Amino acid sequence: MSRNKSRALFAQAARCMVGGVNSPVRAYKAVGGTPVFIRSARGSGIVDADRNRYVDYVMSWGAMILGHAHPGIVRAIQQAAESGTSFGAPTAQETALCRALSRAVPSMQKIRLVNSGTEATMSALRLSRGFTGKNRIVKFEGCYHGHSDSLLVKAGSGALTLGVPDSAGVPACVSRDTIVCPYNDSDALARVIKARHKEIACVIVEPVAANMGLILPDVSFLSAVRELTARYRIVLIFDEVITGFRFTFGGVQQLFGIAPDLTCLGKIIGGGLPLAAYGGSAEIMDRLAPLGPVYQAGTLSGNPVAVSAGLAALAALEKADYVRLNETTADLCDGMEAILRMFNLHFCLNRAGSVFTLFFTQRPVRDFVTAKTSDPKAYARFFWTMLEEGIHLPPSQFEGNFLSFAHTPADIQRTLKAFSKAVAPFAKSRCRCRG
């Protein structure tokens, strides 16, 4: 499979863009080699600059749950653009989108639209501090909530992939206000909150962690987080930038029956365009300007093109069969596990709904420490074999794989055939990954 054009494009990009990319994980540092440059995409497939075709499991990092170039979303974008792309003034569509989000996620009584998940989480932290009058925040080890200063402490996703747990440029005075607890360890959180609750403004958590690879919460973990934050009047923020509208129509909080104080959404709600949101109770949200003293603004926030794409995405998702999507993912993961058993390989495969991660470790993965037992070099070998077989996976061990409503049974069979070829060498070489 030739990728000469991708290599040439990367060489050009490296001369004018830092690292040749606009987001670090795209540089393929974790797997080696040259990144694939994408020419086009439709449904579950992508085509690279050399016209190689792949079944895609990156899906714009989960945003494209309806598939690439969904006709309804493309049509909505075209129609909106014809009337103007940005006004810097209110539109009726913004109200319609926020009302639709509130209906789907009832804990979001009031909403503010922004442009990215990072902007949503950053703003939610500031709002929590302004509401409580306290400065410290609690996050969980390996969870990634965007690249704002307070949250780049023991972060997951790209920071974990690159082996950089903290970013240069984050002032010590900022990082001192961030307390990190182990994910899935409610006892550790209880100790921290009991000792320092008078200083803590908020706790932010991915209800299903998806930025150190996919990790499910223990049954009692989220309930304990909610109980502790409520008892000590600490704002609980659910970062549902990935999980929102991924497992069901609305937030994963509805599946768990746990209502946070603030919710951050992104990715799926924009239909592939830059759009995110944060929202919660009116009591908290009304502390934002222009009603309150907490300032946050954005020229392109709620721009008509992104909002129209979001409305089209929500309209399609409200009618979508999530059960079928989850069953399709289960079929793929069941097939992968059967192949692993056939080769007597004991890698850890985590799945939740339509997201999965194959960890190259023999240990169960339930937190940051166990995720780090995975072998990234083994994953890199696996990644390149899958790519040669026409399967596009995340170029990092510590990311989720995402299915869409556009993935077909034929895609699953093609993926399983490639998977068998990709893992066979590990059995032949008697490879047993660390852990």
Protein backbone atom coordinates (compact mmCIF):
# COMPACT_ATOMS: atom_id res chain seq x y z
CA MET A 1 0.00 0.00 0.00
CA SER A 2 1.72 3.16 -1.21
CA ARG A 3 1.63 6.31 0.91
CA ASN A 4 4.12 8.42 -1.05
CA LYS A 5 1.78 11.40 -1.36
CA SER A 6 1.11 11.40 2.39
CA ARG A 7 4.86 11.43 3.03
CA ALA A 8 5.35 14.33 0.62
CA LEU A 9 2.47 16.27 2.17
CA PHE A 10 3.88 15.71 5.65
CA ALA A 11 7.27 17.03 4.55
CA GLN A 12 5.58 20.18 3.25
CA ALA A 13 3.50 20.54 6.42
CA ALA A 14 6.53 20.19 8.67
CA ARG A 15 8.05 23.29 7.08
CA CYS A 16 5.17 25.56 8.05
CA MET A 17 3.33 23.84 10.94
CA VAL A 18 4.83 22.81 14.27
CA GLY A 19 5.54 19.10 13.96
CA GLY A 20 3.64 19.13 10.68
CA VAL A 21 0.28 18.94 12.48
CA ASN A 22 -2.24 21.07 14.33
CA SER A 23 -2.84 18.55 17.13
CA PRO A 24 0.03 16.45 18.54
CA VAL A 25 -1.39 12.90 18.34
CA ARG A 26 -1.80 13.29 14.57
CA ALA A 27 2.00 13.31 14.17
CA TYR A 28 2.17 9.51 14.77
CA LYS A 29 4.95 9.93 17.35
CA ALA A 30 3.45 7.11 19.42
CA VAL A 31 3.49 4.59 16.56
CA GLY A 32 6.34 5.90 14.40
CA GLY A 33 6.28 6.57 10.69
CA THR A 34 4.50 9.24 8.71
CA PRO A 35 0.87 10.23 9.30
CA VAL A 36 -1.78 9.46 6.72
CA PHE A 37 -3.20 12.57 5.07
CA ILE A 38 -6.92 12.30 4.41
CA ARG A 39 -8.44 13.32 1.08
CA SER A 40 -12.11 12.55 1.70
CA ALA A 41 -14.52 10.55 3.83
CA ARG A 42 -18.02 9.18 3.62
CA GLY A 43 -19.96 6.88 5.92
CA SER A 44 -17.55 4.58 7.77
CA GLY A 45 -14.72 5.02 5.29
CA ILE A 46 -11.91 7.44 4.61
CA VAL A 47 -9.67 7.88 1.57
CA ASP A 48 -6.09 9.11 1.90
CA ALA A 49 -4.03 11.30 -0.41
CA ASP A 50 -2.80 8.18 -2.25
CA ARG A 51 -6.42 7.05 -2.72
CA ASN A 52 -6.06 4.15 -0.29
CA ARG A 53 -9.40 3.30 1.34
CA TYR A 54 -9.81 2.45 5.02
CA VAL A 55 -12.55 1.49 7.45
CA ASP A 56 -12.31 4.29 9.99
CA TYR A 57 -12.42 3.78 13.76
CA VAL A 58 -11.08 7.23 14.67
CA MET A 59 -14.21 8.97 13.34
CA SER A 60 -12.77 12.39 14.15
CA TRP A 61 -12.12 11.17 17.71
CA GLY A 62 -15.73 10.14 18.20
CA ALA A 63 -17.46 13.18 16.74
CA MET A 64 -18.76 11.46 13.60
CA ILE A 65 -21.22 9.06 15.24
CA LEU A 66 -23.58 9.41 12.25
CA GLY A 67 -20.77 8.71 9.80
CA HIS A 68 -18.71 11.01 7.64
CA ALA A 69 -20.47 13.46 5.32
CA HIS A 70 -23.92 12.63 6.66
CA PRO A 71 -26.35 13.98 4.03
CA GLY A 72 -28.61 15.79 6.50
CA ILE A 73 -25.70 17.54 8.19
CA VAL A 74 -24.04 18.48 4.89
CA ARG A 75 -27.32 19.94 3.66
CA ALA A 76 -27.80 21.93 6.88
CA ILE A 77 -24.26 23.35 6.62
CA GLN A 78 -24.75 24.39 2.99
CA GLN A 79 -28.06 26.08 3.67
CA ALA A 80 -26.74 27.94 6.72
CA ALA A 81 -23.59 29.12 4.95
CA GLU A 82 -25.66 30.66 2.16
CA SER A 83 -27.20 33.03 4.71
CA GLY A 84 -23.90 34.01 6.34
CA THR A 85 -21.28 32.23 8.41
CA SER A 86 -20.97 34.49 11.47
CA PHE A 87 -22.89 37.48 12.74
CA GLY A 88 -21.55 38.16 16.23
CA ALA A 89 -25.20 38.55 17.22
CA PRO A 90 -27.95 36.23 18.53
CA THR A 91 -29.91 33.90 16.25
CA ALA A 92 -33.05 31.82 16.77
CA GLN A 93 -31.09 28.67 15.94
CA GLU A 94 -28.93 29.10 19.06
CA THR A 95 -32.05 29.03 21.22
CA ALA A 96 -33.35 25.99 19.37
CA LEU A 97 -30.11 24.07 19.92
CA CYS A 98 -29.89 24.95 23.62
CA ARG A 99 -33.52 23.92 24.16
CA ALA A 100 -32.84 20.62 22.38
CA LEU A 101 -29.78 20.00 24.57
CA SER A 102 -31.72 20.80 27.75
CA ARG A 103 -34.46 18.35 26.78
CA ALA A 104 -31.90 15.63 26.09
CA VAL A 105 -29.78 16.34 29.20
CA PRO A 106 -32.22 17.63 31.86
CA SER A 107 -29.49 18.60 34.34
CA MET A 108 -28.49 21.35 31.88
CA GLN A 109 -31.20 23.86 32.79
CA LYS A 110 -29.23 26.72 31.25
CA ILE A 111 -26.50 26.49 28.64
CA ARG A 112 -23.65 28.51 27.14
CA LEU A 113 -22.39 27.53 23.67
CA VAL A 114 -18.65 27.63 22.97
CA ASN A 115 -16.32 26.32 20.26
CA SER A 116 -14.41 23.38 21.76
CA GLY A 117 -14.39 20.90 24.58
CA THR A 118 -11.35 22.63 26.04
CA GLU A 119 -13.23 25.92 26.14
CA ALA A 120 -16.22 24.23 27.79
CA THR A 121 -14.22 22.60 30.59
CA MET A 122 -12.04 25.67 31.13
CA SER A 123 -15.13 27.84 31.46
CA ALA A 124 -16.87 25.36 33.76
CA LEU A 125 -13.88 25.48 36.12
CA ARG A 126 -13.91 29.27 36.21
CA LEU A 127 -17.65 29.29 36.81
CA SER A 128 -17.27 26.78 39.67
CA ARG A 129 -14.64 28.93 41.31
CA GLY A 130 -16.74 32.05 40.87
CA PHE A 131 -19.82 30.33 42.26
CA THR A 132 -18.15 28.80 45.32
CA GLY A 133 -15.52 31.43 46.05
CA LYS A 134 -12.93 28.63 46.35
CA ASN A 135 -9.88 27.99 44.19
CA ARG A 136 -8.83 24.35 44.23
CA ILE A 137 -10.10 21.72 41.82
CA VAL A 138 -9.97 17.92 41.88
CA LYS A 139 -9.39 15.85 38.76
CA PHE A 140 -8.57 12.19 38.25
CA GLU A 141 -5.28 10.72 37.10
CA GLY A 142 -5.23 9.97 33.37
CA CYS A 143 -8.41 11.89 32.58
CA TYR A 144 -7.97 14.54 29.88
CA HIS A 145 -10.22 17.58 29.90
CA GLY A 146 -8.56 19.74 27.29
CA HIS A 147 -5.40 21.82 27.34
CA SER A 148 -6.22 24.63 29.76
CA ASP A 149 -3.55 25.17 32.41
CA SER A 150 -5.41 23.84 35.44
CA LEU A 151 -6.18 20.54 33.74
CA LEU A 152 -2.79 19.64 32.25
CA VAL A 153 -1.74 17.81 35.38
CA LYS A 154 -1.36 14.04 35.00
CA ALA A 155 -3.52 14.24 31.90
CA GLY A 156 -4.46 11.48 29.49
CA SER A 157 -4.99 11.39 25.73
CA GLY A 158 -2.22 13.09 23.75
CA ALA A 159 -0.29 14.11 26.85
CA LEU A 160 -0.21 10.48 27.99
CA THR A 161 0.71 9.25 24.51
CA LEU A 162 3.67 11.61 24.33
CA GLY A 163 4.82 10.71 27.83
CA VAL A 164 4.30 14.27 29.09
CA PRO A 165 2.17 14.11 32.26
CA ASP A 166 2.48 17.87 32.79
CA SER A 167 2.96 20.58 30.18
CA ALA A 168 5.77 23.11 30.20
CA GLY A 169 4.37 26.59 30.48
CA VAL A 170 1.88 25.76 33.23
CA PRO A 171 2.76 27.99 36.21
CA ALA A 172 3.48 26.23 39.47
CA CYS A 173 0.94 28.47 41.19
CA VAL A 174 -1.75 27.09 38.86
CA SER A 175 -0.82 23.43 39.18
CA ARG A 176 -0.74 23.75 42.99
CA ASP A 177 -4.48 24.40 42.89
CA THR A 178 -5.14 21.10 41.08
CA ILE A 179 -5.46 18.00 43.25
CA VAL A 180 -5.19 14.65 41.46
CA CYS A 181 -6.88 11.46 42.67
CA PRO A 182 -6.78 7.95 41.19
CA TYR A 183 -9.71 7.17 38.89
CA ASN A 184 -12.08 4.56 40.32
CA ASP A 185 -10.79 5.14 43.87
CA SER A 186 -13.60 6.72 45.86
CA ASP A 187 -11.77 6.15 49.16
CA ALA A 188 -8.88 8.35 48.02
CA LEU A 189 -11.33 11.03 46.94
CA ALA A 190 -13.12 10.86 50.28
CA ARG A 191 -9.85 11.40 52.14
CA VAL A 192 -8.99 14.44 50.02
CA ILE A 193 -12.42 16.03 50.28
CA LYS A 194 -12.76 15.48 54.02
CA ALA A 195 -9.36 17.07 54.60
CA ARG A 196 -9.63 19.99 52.13
CA HIS A 197 -13.29 20.59 51.31
CA LYS A 198 -13.11 24.21 52.46
CA GLU A 199 -10.63 24.88 49.61
CA ILE A 200 -12.20 22.79 46.81
CA ALA A 201 -14.46 24.48 44.27
CA CYS A 202 -15.20 21.50 42.06
CA VAL A 203 -14.51 17.91 41.07
CA ILE A 204 -14.30 17.22 37.34
CA VAL A 205 -14.52 13.68 35.97
CA GLU A 206 -15.09 11.74 32.78
CA PRO A 207 -18.02 9.53 33.83
CA VAL A 208 -16.61 6.92 31.46
CA ALA A 209 -12.90 7.56 31.05
CA ALA A 210 -11.86 7.58 27.39
CA ASN A 211 -8.56 9.44 27.30
CA MET A 212 -6.21 6.83 28.77
CA GLY A 213 -7.89 4.27 26.59
CA LEU A 214 -11.43 3.30 27.49
CA ILE A 215 -11.92 2.58 31.20
CA LEU A 216 -15.30 1.95 32.79
CA PRO A 217 -16.16 3.33 36.21
CA ASP A 218 -16.67 0.86 39.04
CA VAL A 219 -20.32 0.42 40.01
CA SER A 220 -20.08 2.53 43.15
CA PHE A 221 -17.47 5.07 42.03
CA LEU A 222 -19.66 7.75 40.42
CA SER A 223 -22.30 7.44 43.12
CA ALA A 224 -19.64 8.05 45.74
CA VAL A 225 -18.32 11.08 43.82
CA ARG A 226 -21.83 12.53 43.67
CA GLU A 227 -22.54 11.86 47.35
CA LEU A 228 -19.27 13.39 48.53
CA THR A 229 -19.55 16.53 46.41
CA ALA A 230 -23.16 17.08 47.42
CA ARG A 231 -22.39 16.60 51.12
CA TYR A 232 -19.62 19.20 51.09
CA ARG A 233 -21.30 21.59 48.61
CA ILE A 234 -18.62 21.10 45.96
CA VAL A 235 -19.59 21.54 42.30
CA LEU A 236 -19.54 18.25 40.38
CA ILE A 237 -18.64 18.60 36.69
CA PHE A 238 -19.24 15.73 34.28
CA ASP A 239 -16.97 16.03 31.25
CA GLU A 240 -19.22 14.43 28.63
CA VAL A 241 -17.35 15.83 25.65
CA ILE A 242 -16.84 12.23 24.49
CA THR A 243 -19.67 10.40 26.26
CA GLY A 244 -22.45 12.87 25.48
CA PHE A 245 -24.82 11.33 22.89
CA ARG A 246 -22.37 8.45 22.43
CA PHE A 247 -24.13 5.69 24.40
CA THR A 248 -27.68 7.01 24.29
CA PHE A 249 -29.56 10.11 23.19
CA GLY A 250 -28.44 12.52 25.87
CA GLY A 251 -25.73 12.14 28.48
CA VAL A 252 -24.32 9.00 30.01
CA GLN A 253 -25.44 10.54 33.31
CA GLN A 254 -28.96 9.36 32.46
CA LEU A 255 -27.79 5.76 32.17
CA PHE A 256 -26.15 5.99 35.60
CA GLY A 257 -29.00 7.97 37.13
CA ILE A 258 -26.59 10.61 38.46
CA ALA A 259 -27.12 14.33 37.83
CA PRO A 260 -23.99 16.52 38.03
CA ASP A 261 -24.08 20.24 38.77
CA LEU A 262 -22.42 21.14 35.47
CA THR A 263 -22.03 19.19 32.23
CA CYS A 264 -19.60 19.79 29.38
CA LEU A 265 -20.51 18.59 25.89
CA GLY A 266 -18.66 18.65 22.57
CA LYS A 267 -17.73 16.53 19.55
CA ILE A 268 -21.02 14.82 18.61
CA ILE A 269 -23.24 17.85 19.28
CA GLY A 270 -21.43 19.81 16.55
CA GLY A 271 -22.00 17.28 13.79
CA GLY A 272 -18.32 17.55 12.86
CA LEU A 273 -18.00 21.33 13.22
CA PRO A 274 -16.37 23.25 16.10
CA LEU A 275 -19.13 23.42 18.69
CA ALA A 276 -19.32 22.64 22.39
CA ALA A 277 -21.44 23.60 25.37
CA TYR A 278 -21.50 23.70 29.13
CA GLY A 279 -24.54 24.00 31.32
CA GLY A 280 -26.20 23.17 34.59
CA SER A 281 -28.54 24.56 37.18
CA ALA A 282 -29.82 28.10 36.74
CA GLU A 283 -28.41 28.96 40.17
CA ILE A 284 -24.87 28.27 38.97
CA MET A 285 -25.17 29.32 35.34
CA ASP A 286 -26.66 32.71 36.22
CA ARG A 287 -23.31 33.66 37.77
CA LEU A 288 -22.03 34.07 34.20
CA ALA A 289 -21.86 37.49 32.54
CA PRO A 290 -23.99 39.34 31.62
CA LEU A 291 -26.05 38.29 34.68
CA GLY A 292 -23.18 37.62 37.04
CA PRO A 293 -19.53 38.40 37.72
CA VAL A 294 -17.91 35.39 35.95
CA TYR A 295 -16.75 36.49 32.52
CA GLN A 296 -16.62 34.31 29.40
CA ALA A 297 -17.15 35.34 25.78
CA GLY A 298 -16.41 34.24 22.21
CA THR A 299 -16.77 35.87 18.80
CA LEU A 300 -17.69 32.60 17.06
CA SER A 301 -19.64 31.04 19.93
CA GLY A 302 -22.95 29.75 18.60
CA ASN A 303 -22.09 30.63 15.01
CA PRO A 304 -24.96 29.76 12.63
CA VAL A 305 -23.13 27.15 10.55
CA ALA A 306 -21.99 25.04 13.51
CA VAL A 307 -25.35 25.43 15.25
CA SER A 308 -27.20 24.28 12.12
CA ALA A 309 -24.93 21.23 11.91
CA GLY A 310 -25.62 20.50 15.57
CA LEU A 311 -29.37 20.77 15.15
CA ALA A 312 -29.25 18.38 12.18
CA ALA A 313 -27.11 15.92 14.16
CA LEU A 314 -29.46 15.93 17.16
CA ALA A 315 -32.50 15.50 14.92
CA ALA A 316 -30.94 12.42 13.33
CA LEU A 317 -29.71 10.99 16.63
CA GLU A 318 -33.11 11.32 18.28
CA LYS A 319 -34.41 8.76 15.76
CA ALA A 320 -31.29 6.57 15.75
CA ASP A 321 -31.17 2.99 17.00
CA TYR A 322 -28.50 3.03 19.70
CA VAL A 323 -29.21 -0.60 20.55
CA ARG A 324 -28.19 -1.62 17.05
CA LEU A 325 -25.03 0.50 17.22
CA ASN A 326 -24.02 -1.07 20.53
CA GLU A 327 -24.78 -4.56 19.19
CA THR A 328 -22.62 -3.93 16.13
CA THR A 329 -19.74 -2.93 18.44
CA ALA A 330 -20.34 -5.99 20.61
CA ASP A 331 -20.18 -8.21 17.50
CA LEU A 332 -16.81 -6.70 16.60
CA CYS A 333 -15.39 -7.01 20.13
CA ASP A 334 -16.73 -10.55 20.58
CA GLY A 335 -15.04 -11.50 17.32
CA MET A 336 -11.77 -9.94 18.44
CA GLU A 337 -11.88 -11.78 21.76
CA ALA A 338 -12.55 -15.07 19.97
CA ILE A 339 -9.47 -14.50 17.80
CA LEU A 340 -7.37 -13.67 20.85
CA ARG A 341 -8.50 -16.92 22.50
CA MET A 342 -7.69 -18.85 19.34
CA PHE A 343 -4.11 -17.54 19.49
CA ASN A 344 -3.97 -17.96 23.30
CA LEU A 345 -3.32 -14.23 23.74
CA HIS A 346 -4.47 -12.50 26.89
CA PHE A 347 -4.68 -8.83 25.99
CA CYS A 348 -7.25 -6.65 27.74
CA LEU A 349 -10.20 -5.49 25.64
CA ASN A 350 -12.39 -2.84 27.28
CA ARG A 351 -15.73 -1.85 25.71
CA ALA A 352 -18.60 0.45 26.62
CA GLY A 353 -21.40 0.89 24.11
CA SER A 354 -19.81 1.84 20.79
CA VAL A 355 -16.30 2.56 22.12
CA PHE A 356 -13.48 0.09 22.77
CA THR A 357 -9.75 -0.09 23.47
CA LEU A 358 -7.45 -3.07 23.09
CA PHE A 359 -4.70 -2.76 25.72
CA PHE A 360 -1.52 -4.72 25.07
CA THR A 361 -1.25 -5.95 28.64
CA GLN A 362 -2.32 -9.12 30.40
CA ARG A 363 -3.72 -7.20 33.35
CA PRO A 364 -7.29 -5.87 33.68
CA VAL A 365 -7.23 -2.12 33.04
CA ARG A 366 -9.30 -0.03 35.45
CA ASP A 367 -7.22 3.11 36.09
CA PHE A 368 -4.17 5.11 35.00
CA VAL A 369 -1.65 2.79 36.68
CA THR A 370 -2.97 -0.36 35.00
CA ALA A 371 -3.37 1.45 31.65
CA LYS A 372 0.33 2.28 31.77
CA THR A 373 1.22 -1.43 31.93
CA SER A 374 0.19 -1.65 28.29
CA ASP A 375 2.99 -2.04 25.74
CA PRO A 376 2.96 0.90 23.27
CA LYS A 377 5.58 -0.73 21.03
CA ALA A 378 3.37 -3.79 20.62
CA TYR A 379 0.45 -1.51 19.84
CA ALA A 380 2.53 0.28 17.19
CA ARG A 381 3.27 -3.01 15.39
CA PHE A 382 -0.41 -3.90 15.55
CA PHE A 383 -1.43 -0.44 14.31
CA TRP A 384 0.71 -0.60 11.17
CA THR A 385 -0.47 -4.07 10.22
CA MET A 386 -4.09 -2.97 10.59
CA LEU A 387 -3.40 0.12 8.49
CA GLU A 388 -1.80 -1.97 5.74
CA GLU A 389 -4.96 -4.10 5.78
CA GLY A 390 -7.15 -1.03 5.32
CA ILE A 391 -8.23 -0.44 8.93
CA HIS A 392 -7.68 3.07 10.32
CA LEU A 393 -7.18 3.02 14.11
CA PRO A 394 -6.08 5.77 16.52
CA PRO A 395 -2.28 6.27 16.29
CA SER A 396 -1.95 5.79 20.05
CA GLN A 397 -2.46 2.99 22.54
CA PHE A 398 -4.23 5.38 24.89
CA GLU A 399 -7.24 6.38 22.80
CA GLY A 400 -10.68 4.96 22.21
CA ASN A 401 -11.87 3.36 18.97
CA PHE A 402 -15.26 4.66 17.86
CA LEU A 403 -17.97 3.05 15.78
CA SER A 404 -20.69 4.94 13.97
CA PHE A 405 -24.18 4.24 12.71
CA ALA A 406 -22.58 4.00 9.26
CA HIS A 407 -20.44 0.94 10.07
CA THR A 408 -21.78 -2.17 8.35
CA PRO A 409 -21.52 -5.95 8.91
CA ALA A 410 -19.12 -6.01 5.96
CA ASP A 411 -16.91 -3.49 7.79
CA ILE A 412 -16.91 -5.72 10.85
CA GLN A 413 -15.91 -8.79 8.86
CA ARG A 414 -13.14 -6.91 7.07
CA THR A 415 -11.88 -5.62 10.41
CA LEU A 416 -11.86 -9.08 12.00
CA LYS A 417 -9.96 -10.53 9.05
CA ALA A 418 -7.33 -7.80 9.44
CA PHE A 419 -7.29 -8.26 13.22
CA SER A 420 -6.50 -11.95 12.89
CA LYS A 421 -3.54 -11.13 10.66
CA ALA A 422 -2.35 -8.34 12.96
CA VAL A 423 -2.29 -10.36 16.21
CA ALA A 424 -1.01 -13.63 14.76
CA PRO A 425 2.67 -12.57 14.98
CA PHE A 426 2.34 -12.02 18.73
CA ALA A 427 1.35 -15.66 19.17
CA LYS A 428 4.03 -16.94 16.78
CA SER A 429 6.77 -15.04 18.57
CA ARG A 430 5.40 -16.14 21.95
CA CYS A 431 5.10 -12.45 22.73
CA ARG A 432 3.64 -11.71 26.11
CA CYS A 433 3.24 -7.98 26.61
CA ARG A 434 4.27 -6.45 29.87
CA GLY A 435 1.91 -6.44 32.80
